[in-house]
Amino acid sequence: MSVVYIMLPVALLLAGVGVVAFCWAVRDGQLDDLDSEAARLLEDDEDARIGRS
């Protein structure tokens, strides 16, 4: 039973850190445009096809 007194605050602290990190990411704009990077992977890269870097 004494483990609960240690693990409960640790779990709440980790959950709080996760919520703060998520809120920071939303305010920073990291979740604004999720489609453009995924679509960019599907486009052909002209330089790679020619052999240039």
N, C-alpha and C. Protein backbone atom coordinates (compact mmCIF):
# COMPACT_ATOMS: atom_id res chain seq x y z
N MET A 1 0.82 -1.20 0.00
CA MET A 1 0.00 0.00 0.00
C MET A 1 0.86 1.26 0.00
N SER A 2 2.07 1.17 0.55
CA SER A 2 2.93 2.36 0.59
C SER A 2 3.44 2.75 -0.79
N VAL A 3 3.44 1.80 -1.73
CA VAL A 3 3.87 2.10 -3.09
C VAL A 3 2.90 3.08 -3.75
N VAL A 4 1.62 3.00 -3.37
CA VAL A 4 0.62 3.90 -3.94
C VAL A 4 0.94 5.35 -3.59
N TYR A 5 1.47 5.58 -2.41
CA TYR A 5 1.80 6.94 -1.99
C TYR A 5 2.96 7.52 -2.79
N ILE A 6 3.76 6.67 -3.39
CA ILE A 6 4.87 7.13 -4.23
C ILE A 6 4.45 7.20 -5.70
N MET A 7 3.76 6.16 -6.17
CA MET A 7 3.44 6.07 -7.59
C MET A 7 2.33 7.04 -8.02
N LEU A 8 1.39 7.32 -7.16
CA LEU A 8 0.31 8.23 -7.52
C LEU A 8 0.83 9.64 -7.81
N PRO A 9 1.65 10.24 -6.95
CA PRO A 9 2.20 11.57 -7.30
C PRO A 9 3.10 11.53 -8.55
N VAL A 10 3.84 10.45 -8.72
CA VAL A 10 4.70 10.34 -9.91
C VAL A 10 3.84 10.27 -11.17
N ALA A 11 2.77 9.49 -11.13
CA ALA A 11 1.88 9.38 -12.29
C ALA A 11 1.20 10.72 -12.58
N LEU A 12 0.76 11.40 -11.54
CA LEU A 12 0.13 12.71 -11.74
C LEU A 12 1.12 13.73 -12.29
N LEU A 13 2.35 13.66 -11.84
CA LEU A 13 3.39 14.56 -12.36
C LEU A 13 3.66 14.30 -13.83
N LEU A 14 3.77 13.03 -14.21
CA LEU A 14 4.00 12.70 -15.62
C LEU A 14 2.82 13.11 -16.50
N ALA A 15 1.62 12.91 -16.01
CA ALA A 15 0.43 13.33 -16.76
C ALA A 15 0.42 14.86 -16.92
N GLY A 16 0.78 15.57 -15.88
CA GLY A 16 0.84 17.02 -15.95
C GLY A 16 1.88 17.51 -16.94
N VAL A 17 3.03 16.86 -16.96
CA VAL A 17 4.08 17.21 -17.92
C VAL A 17 3.59 16.97 -19.34
N GLY A 18 2.87 15.88 -19.56
CA GLY A 18 2.33 15.59 -20.88
C GLY A 18 1.32 16.62 -21.33
N VAL A 19 0.45 17.05 -20.43
CA VAL A 19 -0.56 18.06 -20.77
C VAL A 19 0.12 19.40 -21.07
N VAL A 20 1.11 19.76 -20.29
CA VAL A 20 1.83 21.01 -20.53
C VAL A 20 2.56 20.96 -21.87
N ALA A 21 3.19 19.84 -22.19
CA ALA A 21 3.89 19.71 -23.47
C ALA A 21 2.92 19.79 -24.64
N PHE A 22 1.75 19.17 -24.50
CA PHE A 22 0.76 19.23 -25.56
C PHE A 22 0.25 20.66 -25.76
N CYS A 23 -0.04 21.35 -24.67
CA CYS A 23 -0.51 22.73 -24.77
C CYS A 23 0.55 23.63 -25.38
N TRP A 24 1.80 23.41 -25.04
CA TRP A 24 2.89 24.18 -25.63
C TRP A 24 2.98 23.93 -27.13
N ALA A 25 2.83 22.68 -27.55
CA ALA A 25 2.91 22.36 -28.97
C ALA A 25 1.76 22.99 -29.75
N VAL A 26 0.57 23.01 -29.17
CA VAL A 26 -0.57 23.62 -29.84
C VAL A 26 -0.38 25.12 -29.95
N ARG A 27 0.07 25.77 -28.90
CA ARG A 27 0.28 27.22 -28.94
C ARG A 27 1.42 27.61 -29.86
N ASP A 28 2.41 26.74 -30.00
CA ASP A 28 3.56 27.02 -30.85
C ASP A 28 3.25 26.83 -32.33
N GLY A 29 2.10 26.22 -32.62
CA GLY A 29 1.69 26.04 -34.02
C GLY A 29 2.20 24.78 -34.66
N GLN A 30 2.66 23.83 -33.89
CA GLN A 30 3.22 22.62 -34.47
C GLN A 30 2.15 21.69 -35.03
N LEU A 31 0.90 21.89 -34.66
CA LEU A 31 -0.17 21.03 -35.13
C LEU A 31 -1.09 21.74 -36.11
N ASP A 32 -0.65 22.85 -36.68
CA ASP A 32 -1.50 23.63 -37.57
C ASP A 32 -1.70 22.95 -38.93
N ASP A 33 -0.64 22.50 -39.55
CA ASP A 33 -0.72 21.96 -40.91
C ASP A 33 -0.16 20.54 -40.91
N LEU A 34 -1.04 19.57 -40.86
CA LEU A 34 -0.61 18.18 -40.81
C LEU A 34 -0.57 17.52 -42.18
N ASP A 35 -1.17 18.13 -43.19
CA ASP A 35 -1.30 17.49 -44.49
C ASP A 35 -0.17 17.80 -45.45
N SER A 36 0.45 18.96 -45.36
CA SER A 36 1.44 19.34 -46.36
C SER A 36 2.70 18.47 -46.31
N GLU A 37 3.17 18.11 -45.12
CA GLU A 37 4.36 17.27 -45.02
C GLU A 37 4.09 15.86 -45.53
N ALA A 38 2.89 15.34 -45.28
CA ALA A 38 2.54 14.01 -45.77
C ALA A 38 2.43 14.01 -47.29
N ALA A 39 1.90 15.07 -47.86
CA ALA A 39 1.77 15.15 -49.31
C ALA A 39 3.13 15.37 -49.96
N ARG A 40 4.03 16.04 -49.26
CA ARG A 40 5.35 16.30 -49.83
C ARG A 40 6.15 15.02 -50.03
N LEU A 41 5.89 14.02 -49.21
CA LEU A 41 6.58 12.74 -49.37
C LEU A 41 6.20 12.04 -50.66
N LEU A 42 5.02 12.31 -51.18
CA LEU A 42 4.54 11.64 -52.38
C LEU A 42 5.04 12.29 -53.66
N GLU A 43 5.55 13.50 -53.57
CA GLU A 43 6.02 14.21 -54.76
C GLU A 43 7.38 13.69 -55.19
N ASP A 44 7.62 13.71 -56.49
CA ASP A 44 8.92 13.31 -57.02
C ASP A 44 9.94 14.41 -56.79
N ASP A 45 11.15 14.00 -56.52
CA ASP A 45 12.23 14.95 -56.34
C ASP A 45 13.08 14.93 -57.60
N GLU A 46 13.07 16.01 -58.33
CA GLU A 46 13.78 16.08 -59.61
C GLU A 46 15.29 15.90 -59.42
N ASP A 47 15.86 16.48 -58.38
CA ASP A 47 17.30 16.39 -58.18
C ASP A 47 17.74 14.96 -57.88
N ALA A 48 16.93 14.20 -57.17
CA ALA A 48 17.31 12.83 -56.83
C ALA A 48 17.24 11.94 -58.07
N ARG A 49 16.31 12.24 -58.98
CA ARG A 49 16.19 11.42 -60.17
C ARG A 49 17.35 11.66 -61.13
N ILE A 50 17.86 12.88 -61.18
CA ILE A 50 18.97 13.22 -62.07
C ILE A 50 20.30 12.73 -61.48
N GLY A 51 20.36 12.62 -60.18
CA GLY A 51 21.59 12.18 -59.55
C GLY A 51 22.32 13.29 -58.84
N ARG A 52 21.73 14.45 -58.75
CA ARG A 52 22.34 15.56 -58.03
C ARG A 52 21.94 15.48 -56.56
N SER A 53 22.75 16.11 -55.70
CA SER A 53 22.42 16.16 -54.28
C SER A 53 22.00 17.55 -53.90
